[in-house]
């Protein structure tokens, strides 16, 4: 199963509003479902874990993804090498 974190959608929405990216749709939530992916919501435990991670990475969205990956036992797809500083499974793009 493929999950898309709410943190990723939040970051895309912010960058789209700033004109930094064009997601091609205003309905990413629908596109996730149509693609057969599942939404990964942010829990209190995710937030606590992200807030307590060592400061190897300053991006709060990426820190949330790392916390979610650790707690849910998921592999994160990224090209960001800073993820290697954490105990999380990564698939490099």
C-alpha atoms as a PDB file:
ATOM      1  CA  UNK A   1       0.000   0.000   0.000  1.00  0.00           C
ATOM      2  CA  UNK A   2       1.185   3.523  -0.795  1.00  0.00           C
ATOM      3  CA  UNK A   3       0.515   6.311   1.698  1.00  0.00           C
ATOM      4  CA  UNK A   4       0.609  10.052   1.111  1.00  0.00           C
ATOM      5  CA  UNK A   5       1.185  12.040   4.266  1.00  0.00           C
ATOM      6  CA  UNK A   6      -1.059  14.962   5.127  1.00  0.00           C
ATOM      7  CA  UNK A   7       2.234  16.791   5.745  1.00  0.00           C
ATOM      8  CA  UNK A   8       3.140  16.417   2.058  1.00  0.00           C
ATOM      9  CA  UNK A   9      -0.231  17.769   0.928  1.00  0.00           C
ATOM     10  CA  UNK A  10       0.103  20.676   3.364  1.00  0.00           C
ATOM     11  CA  UNK A  11       3.574  21.523   2.037  1.00  0.00           C
ATOM     12  CA  UNK A  12       2.404  21.314  -1.591  1.00  0.00           C
ATOM     13  CA  UNK A  13      -0.571  23.586  -0.826  1.00  0.00           C
ATOM     14  CA  UNK A  14       1.712  26.203   0.757  1.00  0.00           C
ATOM     15  CA  UNK A  15       4.196  26.087  -2.129  1.00  0.00           C
ATOM     16  CA  UNK A  16       1.369  26.281  -4.693  1.00  0.00           C
ATOM     17  CA  UNK A  17      -0.059  29.376  -2.991  1.00  0.00           C
ATOM     18  CA  UNK A  18       3.417  30.966  -3.112  1.00  0.00           C
ATOM     19  CA  UNK A  19       3.747  30.091  -6.809  1.00  0.00           C
ATOM     20  CA  UNK A  20       6.678  27.731  -6.256  1.00  0.00           C
ATOM     21  CA  UNK A  21       4.929  24.597  -7.607  1.00  0.00           C
ATOM     22  CA  UNK A  22       1.912  23.779  -9.745  1.00  0.00           C
ATOM     23  CA  UNK A  23       0.297  20.571  -8.502  1.00  0.00           C
ATOM     24  CA  UNK A  24      -1.983  20.524 -11.546  1.00  0.00           C
ATOM     25  CA  UNK A  25      -5.111  20.286  -9.402  1.00  0.00           C
ATOM     26  CA  UNK A  26      -6.685  21.908  -6.379  1.00  0.00           C
ATOM     27  CA  UNK A  27      -8.060  18.531  -5.326  1.00  0.00           C
ATOM     28  CA  UNK A  28      -4.995  16.527  -4.345  1.00  0.00           C
ATOM     29  CA  UNK A  29      -7.081  14.600  -1.833  1.00  0.00           C
ATOM     30  CA  UNK A  30      -9.253  13.252  -4.657  1.00  0.00           C
ATOM     31  CA  UNK A  31      -6.229  12.494  -6.819  1.00  0.00           C
ATOM     32  CA  UNK A  32      -4.693  10.460  -3.997  1.00  0.00           C
ATOM     33  CA  UNK A  33      -7.817   8.305  -3.762  1.00  0.00           C
ATOM     34  CA  UNK A  34      -8.164   7.973  -7.551  1.00  0.00           C
ATOM     35  CA  UNK A  35      -4.559   6.772  -7.732  1.00  0.00           C
ATOM     36  CA  UNK A  36      -5.295   4.017  -5.223  1.00  0.00           C
ATOM     37  CA  UNK A  37      -3.135   5.663  -2.558  1.00  0.00           C
ATOM     38  CA  UNK A  38      -4.164   6.147   1.061  1.00  0.00           C
ATOM     39  CA  UNK A  39      -3.991   9.321   3.110  1.00  0.00           C
ATOM     40  CA  UNK A  40      -1.728   9.167   6.162  1.00  0.00           C
ATOM     41  CA  UNK A  41      -3.121  11.558   8.736  1.00  0.00           C
ATOM     42  CA  UNK A  42      -0.998  13.277  11.362  1.00  0.00           C
ATOM     43  CA  UNK A  43      -1.553  11.930  14.871  1.00  0.00           C
ATOM     44  CA  UNK A  44      -0.540  13.358  18.225  1.00  0.00           C
ATOM     45  CA  UNK A  45       2.106  10.628  18.479  1.00  0.00           C
ATOM     46  CA  UNK A  46       3.500  11.634  15.071  1.00  0.00           C
ATOM     47  CA  UNK A  47       3.677  15.259  16.253  1.00  0.00           C
ATOM     48  CA  UNK A  48       5.402  14.376  19.520  1.00  0.00           C
ATOM     49  CA  UNK A  49       7.940  12.170  17.769  1.00  0.00           C
ATOM     50  CA  UNK A  50       8.674  14.795  15.086  1.00  0.00           C
ATOM     51  CA  UNK A  51       9.127  17.432  17.774  1.00  0.00           C
ATOM     52  CA  UNK A  52      11.615  15.280  19.643  1.00  0.00           C
ATOM     53  CA  UNK A  53      13.775  14.148  16.711  1.00  0.00           C
ATOM     54  CA  UNK A  54      17.447  15.152  16.738  1.00  0.00           C
ATOM     55  CA  UNK A  55      17.985  18.340  14.730  1.00  0.00           C
ATOM     56  CA  UNK A  56      19.784  16.753  11.767  1.00  0.00           C
ATOM     57  CA  UNK A  57      17.124  18.222   9.485  1.00  0.00           C
ATOM     58  CA  UNK A  58      15.495  21.643   9.913  1.00  0.00           C
ATOM     59  CA  UNK A  59      12.500  21.176   7.581  1.00  0.00           C
ATOM     60  CA  UNK A  60       9.418  20.577   9.780  1.00  0.00           C
ATOM     61  CA  UNK A  61       7.539  18.794   6.967  1.00  0.00           C
ATOM     62  CA  UNK A  62      10.402  16.357   6.416  1.00  0.00           C
ATOM     63  CA  UNK A  63      10.731  15.815  10.153  1.00  0.00           C
ATOM     64  CA  UNK A  64       7.037  14.855  10.208  1.00  0.00           C
ATOM     65  CA  UNK A  65       7.594  12.389   7.350  1.00  0.00           C
ATOM     66  CA  UNK A  66      10.522  10.879   9.243  1.00  0.00           C
ATOM     67  CA  UNK A  67       8.425  10.510  12.403  1.00  0.00           C
ATOM     68  CA  UNK A  68       5.576   8.926  10.459  1.00  0.00           C
ATOM     69  CA  UNK A  69       7.967   6.558   8.708  1.00  0.00           C
ATOM     70  CA  UNK A  70       9.492   5.492  12.011  1.00  0.00           C
ATOM     71  CA  UNK A  71       6.218   5.014  13.873  1.00  0.00           C
ATOM     72  CA  UNK A  72       4.299   3.356  11.034  1.00  0.00           C
ATOM     73  CA  UNK A  73       7.192   1.232   9.753  1.00  0.00           C
ATOM     74  CA  UNK A  74       7.007   2.838   6.314  1.00  0.00           C
ATOM     75  CA  UNK A  75       9.615   3.474   3.626  1.00  0.00           C
ATOM     76  CA  UNK A  76       9.938   7.115   2.580  1.00  0.00           C
ATOM     77  CA  UNK A  77      10.491   7.962  -1.094  1.00  0.00           C
ATOM     78  CA  UNK A  78      12.833  10.956  -1.298  1.00  0.00           C
ATOM     79  CA  UNK A  79      15.969  12.335  -2.880  1.00  0.00           C
ATOM     80  CA  UNK A  80      16.923  14.216   0.305  1.00  0.00           C
ATOM     81  CA  UNK A  81      20.109  12.717   1.724  1.00  0.00           C
ATOM     82  CA  UNK A  82      19.483  14.356   5.133  1.00  0.00           C
ATOM     83  CA  UNK A  83      17.045  11.510   5.849  1.00  0.00           C
ATOM     84  CA  UNK A  84      20.013   9.142   6.246  1.00  0.00           C
ATOM     85  CA  UNK A  85      20.815  10.723   9.619  1.00  0.00           C
ATOM     86  CA  UNK A  86      17.630   9.156  11.040  1.00  0.00           C
ATOM     87  CA  UNK A  87      16.564   5.577  11.668  1.00  0.00           C
ATOM     88  CA  UNK A  88      14.032   5.370   8.859  1.00  0.00           C
ATOM     89  CA  UNK A  89      13.763   3.256   5.719  1.00  0.00           C
ATOM     90  CA  UNK A  90      14.339   5.311   2.565  1.00  0.00           C
ATOM     91  CA  UNK A  91      13.878   4.597  -1.143  1.00  0.00           C
ATOM     92  CA  UNK A  92      15.961   7.062  -3.160  1.00  0.00           C
ATOM     93  CA  UNK A  93      14.465   8.665  -6.253  1.00  0.00           C
END
